[in-house]
Amino acid sequence: MRRRSRVAEILAAVLLLSLSAACGSRLPESDFRHDDRTPPPPASAPLRVGIITSATSPVGGSAFTGPRDGAQAFFDRLNARGGIDGRRVEVRRCDDGGSGVGNNECVHRLVEEDDVVALVATTALDYAGASRVSRARVPDIGGQPIGAAYDTYPHLYGIYGSLAPRDGTPGWDGKLYGGTEVYRYFKREHGARTAAVVSYNQSASAAYARLVERGLRAEGYQVVTEQVDFALPNFRAVAADLKEQGADLVFDAIDAHGNAQLCRAMDEAGADLTAKVTNVQNWTSTVADDYKDAPRCRNALWATGASRNFDDTGDPAVREFREATKGLETHSQWQLEGWAAARWFTDAAKSCAARGITRACVDSFMNRSQGYTAGGLLLPVRFAHLPEPPRTNRTCLSVARWQDGRGWVGQGDMNRTCFTVPQLAYTP
């Protein structure tokens, strides 16, 4: 399905901790019926939205807060300008602690007690409460698809869209599909032919690495596999072998700390790369600090995603985001996507203002929002209910490269960097 390879990349850090995404069972048809009996709030009442974030979790305190911070910044700016049709947006935030129990508690509090009209920019390590959100018909707008929930349930609208039936079973008969566009890009645009995949000797890390290997081989790469011990990784040996093998690209299924160590080892070994490829979760302004001991590898970092580079301040929509987030210590691609999610909800709510901003009305807008771009911040988002998985898909790609002194530098027009690529099945 569309852009699943980047979603899988986001999953890698989570999978390293042996935490699996929540996969829901098929819901009874009665759960999908709309209930419009709840009257809309008074016209002057604030509009309540909820943001669920694994702000504290085993992955780390700041790993998942970017979308929340971007959405909050958008709503703060919106309220300063009068809100939606004169109504202030009241943001109710909930930290689920990165656990399924905590996530269900957040869903109960926001959906059933606070009666939010929508959830926005959900970023949950274990979205255990997804089925409850769906049953309540609360539109969940622009969430990060860390697990399979956004390809499983109706009324959930992930930031990258979905082609799956979303009938209560993940993907198609429990399988999701990822494209090979990232590998195609580096092969066609930069002549890469040999790619390395580095993983830990840990089941989830190794499984993700095998998925990357499949995609690379499907694109005709010579693939070098490297595995290190999770407890005592020998990155120097890996770096030496990568130099010996002449790898053009390096992909990984390791955590952020491991990546920094790997980069340092590659610098010490004198390994020359076309690209050390990372993902949207690591597309941040902290690269200079995170990779301070590896200047050569640092300047070979490339990121791919489905949203406009947050450092592209020549774009008016990005410039608006950056001006509104000046107070944040750092910036990231996930913050920009959280901002886009909040804008998406706002556009939906504005379309409903004349007849009443309700869950059902906002959900109806989301179902119709084919090709939505949040003013050019996102590649056109598509929601479909394809009965069969596509064998191929035309997918566009946002690409940026880190350069010291310049930050993340965009590589071409994301709306024109497009490839028709095979879709490979995997089990979430």
Protein backbone atom coordinates (compact mmCIF):
# COMPACT_ATOMS: atom_id res chain seq x y z
CA MET A 1 0.00 0.00 0.00
CA ARG A 2 0.94 3.65 -0.19
CA ARG A 3 4.22 4.71 1.48
CA ARG A 4 4.30 1.74 3.83
CA SER A 5 8.08 1.45 3.58
CA ARG A 6 8.54 4.67 5.54
CA VAL A 7 5.97 3.59 8.07
CA ALA A 8 7.95 0.37 8.55
CA GLU A 9 11.07 2.46 9.09
CA ILE A 10 9.35 4.37 11.89
CA LEU A 11 8.45 1.03 13.44
CA ALA A 12 12.07 -0.09 13.66
CA ALA A 13 12.99 1.72 16.87
CA VAL A 14 9.85 0.41 18.53
CA LEU A 15 10.39 -3.14 17.39
CA LEU A 16 13.89 -3.14 18.82
CA LEU A 17 12.37 -3.13 22.26
CA SER A 18 10.32 -6.24 21.42
CA LEU A 19 7.08 -4.29 21.63
CA SER A 20 4.57 -5.24 18.95
CA ALA A 21 1.78 -3.12 17.54
CA ALA A 22 -1.75 -3.84 18.67
CA CYS A 23 -3.65 -5.81 16.02
CA GLY A 24 -7.39 -5.69 16.46
CA SER A 25 -9.91 -8.41 15.82
CA ARG A 26 -12.73 -7.97 13.37
CA LEU A 27 -15.46 -5.78 14.82
CA PRO A 28 -19.14 -6.66 14.52
CA GLU A 29 -21.06 -4.73 11.89
CA SER A 30 -23.18 -3.12 14.62
CA ASP A 31 -20.09 -1.27 15.82
CA PHE A 32 -19.90 0.65 12.54
CA ARG A 33 -23.34 2.28 12.70
CA HIS A 34 -23.45 6.01 13.24
CA ASP A 35 -25.13 7.42 16.33
CA ASP A 36 -26.18 11.00 15.67
CA ARG A 37 -28.34 11.29 18.77
CA THR A 38 -25.72 13.25 20.72
CA PRO A 39 -26.58 16.93 20.24
CA PRO A 40 -23.79 19.31 19.22
CA PRO A 41 -22.41 21.61 21.94
CA PRO A 42 -23.65 25.20 22.15
CA ALA A 43 -22.36 27.39 19.35
CA SER A 44 -20.16 29.42 21.72
CA ALA A 45 -18.66 26.46 23.59
CA PRO A 46 -15.01 25.58 23.01
CA LEU A 47 -14.27 22.74 20.60
CA ARG A 48 -12.53 19.96 22.48
CA VAL A 49 -9.91 17.88 20.69
CA GLY A 50 -7.71 15.20 22.19
CA ILE A 51 -4.04 14.43 21.62
CA ILE A 52 -2.75 11.05 22.81
CA THR A 53 1.03 10.77 23.00
CA SER A 54 3.44 8.24 24.44
CA ALA A 55 5.33 11.14 25.99
CA THR A 56 6.87 8.86 28.60
CA SER A 57 7.67 5.38 27.35
CA PRO A 58 10.39 2.73 27.24
CA VAL A 59 11.65 4.31 24.01
CA GLY A 60 12.54 7.61 25.69
CA GLY A 61 10.97 10.81 26.92
CA SER A 62 11.06 12.82 23.69
CA ALA A 63 10.75 10.06 21.09
CA PHE A 64 7.06 10.60 20.35
CA THR A 65 6.32 14.20 21.36
CA GLY A 66 7.00 15.89 18.01
CA PRO A 67 3.49 15.52 16.50
CA ARG A 68 1.90 16.68 19.76
CA ASP A 69 4.07 19.80 19.90
CA GLY A 70 3.38 20.66 16.27
CA ALA A 71 -0.38 20.24 16.68
CA GLN A 72 -0.39 22.27 19.92
CA ALA A 73 1.49 25.09 18.19
CA PHE A 74 -1.08 25.16 15.39
CA PHE A 75 -4.03 25.31 17.80
CA ASP A 76 -2.35 28.03 19.91
CA ARG A 77 -1.92 30.15 16.80
CA LEU A 78 -5.46 29.38 15.65
CA ASN A 79 -6.93 30.47 18.99
CA ALA A 80 -4.89 33.66 18.95
CA ARG A 81 -6.60 34.46 15.66
CA GLY A 82 -10.13 33.79 16.90
CA GLY A 83 -10.48 30.02 16.70
CA ILE A 84 -12.97 28.30 14.38
CA ASP A 85 -16.05 30.37 13.65
CA GLY A 86 -15.41 32.25 16.89
CA ARG A 87 -14.96 29.10 18.95
CA ARG A 88 -11.70 28.39 20.74
CA VAL A 89 -10.13 24.95 20.31
CA GLU A 90 -9.56 23.40 23.73
CA VAL A 91 -6.79 20.81 23.57
CA ARG A 92 -6.96 17.92 26.03
CA ARG A 93 -3.64 16.07 26.13
CA CYS A 94 -3.03 12.60 27.53
CA ASP A 95 0.24 10.73 28.03
CA ASP A 96 -0.40 7.00 27.78
CA GLY A 97 3.05 6.08 29.09
CA GLY A 98 3.72 3.87 26.08
CA SER A 99 1.53 1.04 27.39
CA GLY A 100 -1.69 -0.53 26.15
CA VAL A 101 -3.30 -0.05 29.56
CA GLY A 102 -2.37 3.62 29.59
CA ASN A 103 -3.61 4.04 26.04
CA ASN A 104 -7.03 2.60 26.93
CA GLU A 105 -7.18 4.96 29.90
CA CYS A 106 -6.44 7.94 27.64
CA VAL A 107 -9.11 6.84 25.16
CA HIS A 108 -11.65 6.48 27.99
CA ARG A 109 -10.82 9.90 29.42
CA LEU A 110 -10.80 11.83 26.15
CA VAL A 111 -13.51 10.04 24.18
CA GLU A 112 -15.98 9.06 26.88
CA GLU A 113 -15.44 11.59 29.67
CA ASP A 114 -14.17 14.73 27.89
CA ASP A 115 -16.35 14.02 24.84
CA VAL A 116 -13.77 15.35 22.35
CA VAL A 117 -15.03 15.96 18.84
CA ALA A 118 -11.87 14.39 17.38
CA LEU A 119 -8.43 13.05 18.18
CA VAL A 120 -5.54 14.76 16.42
CA ALA A 121 -1.91 13.73 15.82
CA THR A 122 -2.08 10.53 17.87
CA THR A 123 1.40 9.11 18.42
CA ALA A 124 1.09 5.97 20.51
CA LEU A 125 3.60 3.21 21.01
CA ASP A 126 0.77 0.74 21.66
CA TYR A 127 -2.55 2.00 20.28
CA ALA A 128 -4.55 -0.56 22.25
CA GLY A 129 -7.61 1.71 22.43
CA ALA A 130 -7.96 2.09 18.65
CA SER A 131 -11.00 -0.21 18.41
CA ARG A 132 -12.78 1.83 21.12
CA VAL A 133 -12.11 5.05 19.21
CA SER A 134 -13.53 3.45 16.08
CA ARG A 135 -16.63 2.11 17.85
CA ALA A 136 -17.30 5.59 19.25
CA ARG A 137 -17.01 7.02 15.72
CA VAL A 138 -14.50 9.60 16.84
CA PRO A 139 -12.44 10.71 13.85
CA ASP A 140 -8.74 10.23 14.62
CA ILE A 141 -7.02 12.67 12.30
CA GLY A 142 -3.42 12.63 11.12
CA GLY A 143 -2.07 10.02 13.54
CA GLN A 144 1.36 8.47 13.13
CA PRO A 145 1.00 4.83 11.95
CA ILE A 146 3.47 3.29 14.37
CA GLY A 147 1.33 0.14 14.48
CA ALA A 148 -1.33 -1.31 12.20
CA ALA A 149 -4.36 0.54 13.65
CA TYR A 150 -4.65 3.08 10.82
CA ASP A 151 -4.83 0.21 8.32
CA THR A 152 -7.36 -1.68 10.45
CA TYR A 153 -10.24 0.48 11.68
CA PRO A 154 -12.74 2.89 10.14
CA HIS A 155 -12.79 6.47 11.45
CA LEU A 156 -9.01 6.41 11.89
CA TYR A 157 -7.18 8.57 9.35
CA GLY A 158 -3.40 8.21 9.42
CA ILE A 159 -1.22 11.08 8.26
CA TYR A 160 -0.15 9.12 5.14
CA GLY A 161 -3.54 7.70 4.14
CA SER A 162 -4.48 4.06 3.57
CA LEU A 163 -5.66 1.85 0.72
CA ALA A 164 -6.71 -1.03 3.01
CA PRO A 165 -10.36 -2.01 3.60
CA ARG A 166 -10.13 -0.95 7.28
CA ASP A 167 -12.86 -3.37 8.28
CA GLY A 168 -11.40 -4.46 11.61
CA THR A 169 -8.64 -6.70 10.23
CA PRO A 170 -5.15 -5.28 9.56
CA GLY A 171 -4.52 -4.60 5.89
CA TRP A 172 -5.64 -7.42 3.65
CA ASP A 173 -6.18 -10.68 5.56
CA GLY A 174 -3.68 -9.56 8.18
CA LYS A 175 -0.94 -8.48 5.76
CA LEU A 176 0.31 -4.97 5.04
CA TYR A 177 2.20 -3.93 1.91
CA GLY A 178 5.24 -1.74 1.46
CA GLY A 179 6.76 -0.20 -1.64
CA THR A 180 10.36 -0.02 -2.81
CA GLU A 181 10.40 3.65 -3.81
CA VAL A 182 13.24 4.62 -1.45
CA TYR A 183 15.54 1.98 -2.96
CA ARG A 184 14.44 2.89 -6.48
CA TYR A 185 15.27 6.55 -5.80
CA PHE A 186 18.89 5.95 -4.78
CA LYS A 187 19.43 3.51 -7.61
CA ARG A 188 18.08 5.77 -10.33
CA GLU A 189 19.11 9.19 -9.03
CA HIS A 190 22.49 8.33 -7.50
CA GLY A 191 23.58 5.13 -9.20
CA ALA A 192 23.73 3.09 -6.01
CA ARG A 193 24.25 -0.63 -6.55
CA THR A 194 25.45 -2.10 -3.25
CA ALA A 195 23.48 -1.62 -0.05
CA ALA A 196 24.17 -2.74 3.49
CA VAL A 197 21.57 -3.55 6.13
CA VAL A 198 22.72 -3.44 9.76
CA SER A 199 20.67 -5.11 12.49
CA TYR A 200 20.92 -6.47 16.01
CA ASN A 201 20.83 -10.19 16.84
CA GLN A 202 17.34 -9.65 18.20
CA SER A 203 14.22 -11.10 16.59
CA ALA A 204 12.32 -7.90 15.81
CA SER A 205 15.41 -6.10 14.54
CA ALA A 206 16.33 -9.05 12.35
CA ALA A 207 12.78 -9.34 11.00
CA TYR A 208 12.74 -5.68 9.97
CA ALA A 209 16.17 -6.05 8.38
CA ARG A 210 14.86 -8.96 6.29
CA LEU A 211 12.03 -6.73 5.03
CA VAL A 212 14.55 -4.09 3.93
CA GLU A 213 16.68 -6.77 2.27
CA ARG A 214 13.67 -8.01 0.29
CA GLY A 215 12.97 -4.53 -1.01
CA LEU A 216 16.58 -3.92 -1.96
CA ARG A 217 16.86 -7.24 -3.79
CA ALA A 218 13.60 -6.52 -5.62
CA GLU A 219 15.29 -3.37 -6.95
CA GLY A 220 18.37 -5.31 -8.08
CA TYR A 221 20.83 -4.31 -5.36
CA GLN A 222 23.73 -6.39 -4.18
CA VAL A 223 22.92 -6.64 -0.47
CA VAL A 224 25.43 -6.87 2.37
CA THR A 225 23.97 -7.97 5.70
CA GLU A 226 25.60 -7.09 8.99
CA GLN A 227 24.40 -8.23 12.40
CA VAL A 228 25.79 -7.10 15.75
CA ASP A 229 25.24 -8.25 19.30
CA PHE A 230 22.48 -6.26 20.98
CA ALA A 231 24.29 -6.10 24.33
CA LEU A 232 27.87 -5.64 23.08
CA PRO A 233 27.76 -4.41 19.48
CA ASN A 234 31.07 -4.36 17.61
CA PHE A 235 30.43 -1.50 15.18
CA ARG A 236 34.12 -1.22 14.30
CA ALA A 237 34.04 -4.65 12.69
CA VAL A 238 30.87 -3.72 10.81
CA ALA A 239 32.39 -0.47 9.57
CA ALA A 240 35.55 -2.22 8.38
CA ASP A 241 33.51 -4.77 6.45
CA LEU A 242 31.29 -2.09 4.91
CA LYS A 243 34.40 -0.33 3.63
CA GLU A 244 35.78 -3.62 2.28
CA GLN A 245 32.49 -4.47 0.54
CA GLY A 246 32.22 -0.99 -1.01
CA ALA A 247 28.67 -0.32 0.17
CA ASP A 248 27.03 2.69 -1.46
CA LEU A 249 24.10 2.86 0.95
CA VAL A 250 23.57 1.87 4.56
CA PHE A 251 20.14 1.08 5.99
CA ASP A 252 19.61 -0.10 9.52
CA ALA A 253 17.31 -1.76 12.01
CA ILE A 254 19.00 -0.33 15.08
CA ASP A 255 18.20 2.44 17.56
CA ALA A 256 19.33 6.08 17.48
CA HIS A 257 22.21 5.51 19.90
CA GLY A 258 23.41 2.57 17.83
CA ASN A 259 23.24 4.67 14.68
CA ALA A 260 25.48 7.31 16.21
CA GLN A 261 27.99 4.63 17.21
CA LEU A 262 27.84 3.07 13.77
CA CYS A 263 28.47 6.43 12.10
CA ARG A 264 31.44 7.12 14.36
CA ALA A 265 32.91 3.73 13.53
CA MET A 266 32.44 4.33 9.78
CA ASP A 267 34.23 7.68 10.06
CA GLU A 268 37.12 6.04 11.91
CA ALA A 269 37.31 3.30 9.28
CA GLY A 270 37.27 5.82 6.43
CA ALA A 271 34.18 4.30 4.82
CA ASP A 272 32.84 6.35 1.91
CA LEU A 273 29.09 6.29 1.39
CA THR A 274 26.63 7.72 -1.07
CA ALA A 275 24.07 7.82 1.74
CA LYS A 276 23.38 6.70 5.28
CA VAL A 277 19.60 6.54 4.96
CA THR A 278 17.38 7.40 7.91
CA ASN A 279 13.65 7.95 8.34
CA VAL A 280 11.12 10.63 9.21
CA GLN A 281 11.36 10.00 12.96
CA ASN A 282 15.06 10.95 12.90
CA TRP A 283 14.57 13.90 10.53
CA THR A 284 15.36 16.48 13.20
CA SER A 285 17.41 19.60 13.86
CA THR A 286 19.51 17.76 16.47
CA VAL A 287 21.68 15.93 13.94
CA ALA A 288 24.78 18.04 14.63
CA ASP A 289 24.68 17.05 18.32
CA ASP A 290 23.50 13.48 17.81
CA TYR A 291 26.35 12.76 15.36
CA LYS A 292 28.93 15.18 16.73
CA ASP A 293 31.70 12.54 16.61
CA ALA A 294 31.05 11.54 13.00
CA PRO A 295 31.26 14.56 10.65
CA ARG A 296 31.73 12.54 7.44
CA CYS A 297 28.87 10.15 8.14
CA ARG A 298 26.76 13.03 9.42
CA ASN A 299 27.05 14.80 6.09
CA ALA A 300 26.06 11.58 4.32
CA LEU A 301 22.75 11.39 6.19
CA TRP A 302 19.66 11.35 3.99
CA ALA A 303 16.03 11.24 5.10
CA THR A 304 12.96 10.22 3.13
CA GLY A 305 9.31 10.77 3.92
CA ALA A 306 5.93 11.98 2.72
CA SER A 307 5.92 15.60 3.90
CA ARG A 308 7.73 18.78 2.93
CA ASN A 309 11.14 19.34 4.52
CA PHE A 310 10.74 21.39 7.73
CA ASP A 311 13.93 23.30 6.81
CA ASP A 312 12.46 24.44 3.47
CA THR A 313 11.61 27.92 4.73
CA GLY A 314 11.30 29.18 1.17
CA ASP A 315 7.91 27.46 1.09
CA PRO A 316 5.19 29.69 2.62
CA ALA A 317 3.43 26.84 4.46
CA VAL A 318 6.71 25.69 6.03
CA ARG A 319 7.64 29.28 6.86
CA GLU A 320 4.33 29.70 8.68
CA PHE A 321 5.04 26.55 10.71
CA ARG A 322 8.56 27.68 11.60
CA GLU A 323 7.45 31.17 12.63
CA ALA A 324 4.79 29.72 14.92
CA THR A 325 7.24 27.29 16.53
CA LYS A 326 10.11 29.67 17.23
CA GLY A 327 9.76 28.93 20.92
CA LEU A 328 10.62 25.25 20.51
CA GLU A 329 14.21 24.31 21.29
CA THR A 330 14.43 21.95 18.32
CA HIS A 331 12.48 21.26 15.14
CA SER A 332 11.56 18.02 13.46
CA GLN A 333 9.61 16.50 10.62
CA TRP A 334 7.19 14.93 13.09
CA GLN A 335 6.40 18.38 14.48
CA LEU A 336 5.55 19.57 10.98
CA GLU A 337 3.30 16.54 10.45
CA GLY A 338 1.54 17.23 13.77
CA TRP A 339 0.97 20.80 12.59
CA ALA A 340 -0.46 19.41 9.33
CA ALA A 341 -2.78 17.09 11.29
CA ALA A 342 -4.13 20.04 13.31
CA ARG A 343 -4.68 21.99 10.12
CA TRP A 344 -6.55 19.00 8.68
CA PHE A 345 -8.93 18.93 11.63
CA THR A 346 -9.41 22.69 11.35
CA ASP A 347 -10.33 22.48 7.68
CA ALA A 348 -12.80 19.71 8.50
CA ALA A 349 -14.36 21.70 11.37
CA LYS A 350 -14.65 24.85 9.25
CA SER A 351 -16.56 22.89 6.62
CA CYS A 352 -19.06 21.89 9.34
CA ALA A 353 -19.43 25.27 11.06
CA ALA A 354 -22.68 26.24 9.34
CA ARG A 355 -24.56 23.09 10.32
CA GLY A 356 -22.80 22.17 13.56
CA ILE A 357 -19.33 20.80 14.28
CA THR A 358 -19.99 17.21 15.31
CA ARG A 359 -18.03 14.00 15.21
CA ALA A 360 -20.18 12.73 12.34
CA CYS A 361 -19.70 15.87 10.26
CA VAL A 362 -15.94 15.97 10.78
CA ASP A 363 -15.75 12.26 9.95
CA SER A 364 -17.71 12.83 6.75
CA PHE A 365 -15.21 15.50 5.68
CA MET A 366 -12.34 13.13 6.36
CA ASN A 367 -13.93 10.44 4.20
CA ARG A 368 -14.13 12.96 1.36
CA SER A 369 -10.66 14.46 1.79
CA GLN A 370 -8.97 12.66 -1.10
CA GLY A 371 -5.78 14.36 -2.19
CA TYR A 372 -5.49 16.49 0.95
CA THR A 373 -2.09 18.25 1.28
CA ALA A 374 -2.45 20.65 4.25
CA GLY A 375 -1.54 23.57 2.02
CA GLY A 376 1.30 21.68 0.35
CA LEU A 377 2.91 20.27 3.50
CA LEU A 378 1.90 16.69 2.69
CA LEU A 379 2.04 14.59 -0.42
CA PRO A 380 -1.59 14.13 -1.54
CA VAL A 381 -3.24 11.79 0.95
CA ARG A 382 -5.58 9.10 -0.28
CA PHE A 383 -8.05 6.88 1.55
CA ALA A 384 -9.52 3.92 -0.28
CA HIS A 385 -11.05 0.58 0.55
CA LEU A 386 -9.45 -1.62 -2.08
CA PRO A 387 -10.75 -5.19 -1.91
CA GLU A 388 -7.37 -6.55 -3.03
CA PRO A 389 -3.88 -5.23 -2.32
CA PRO A 390 -2.24 -3.41 -5.23
CA ARG A 391 0.61 -5.22 -6.92
CA THR A 392 2.25 -1.93 -7.83
CA ASN A 393 1.69 1.64 -6.78
CA ARG A 394 2.86 5.04 -7.98
CA THR A 395 4.43 6.69 -4.96
CA CYS A 396 6.09 10.07 -4.55
CA LEU A 397 8.89 10.80 -2.15
CA SER A 398 10.18 13.72 -0.11
CA VAL A 399 13.97 13.57 0.17
CA ALA A 400 16.43 15.71 2.12
CA ARG A 401 20.15 15.55 2.89
CA TRP A 402 21.94 16.94 5.92
CA GLN A 403 24.69 19.48 5.25
CA ASP A 404 26.59 21.18 8.06
CA GLY A 405 25.85 24.89 8.13
CA ARG A 406 22.69 24.47 6.04
CA GLY A 407 20.69 21.84 7.88
CA TRP A 408 18.39 19.56 5.90
CA VAL A 409 18.53 20.44 2.21
CA GLY A 410 15.65 19.26 0.05
CA GLN A 411 16.49 17.14 -3.00
CA GLY A 412 14.08 17.96 -5.81
CA ASP A 413 10.32 18.47 -5.87
CA MET A 414 8.55 15.89 -3.73
CA ASN A 415 5.51 16.01 -6.01
CA ARG A 416 7.66 15.00 -8.98
CA THR A 417 10.02 12.50 -7.35
CA CYS A 418 7.69 9.61 -8.10
CA PHE A 419 8.08 5.95 -8.97
CA THR A 420 5.80 3.06 -9.85
CA VAL A 421 7.10 0.28 -7.64
CA PRO A 422 6.10 -3.24 -6.51
CA GLN A 423 4.25 -3.68 -3.23
CA LEU A 424 5.70 -6.35 -0.95
CA ALA A 425 3.63 -8.09 1.71
CA TYR A 426 4.64 -8.28 5.37
CA THR A 427 2.96 -9.19 8.61
CA PRO A 428 2.69 -6.38 11.18
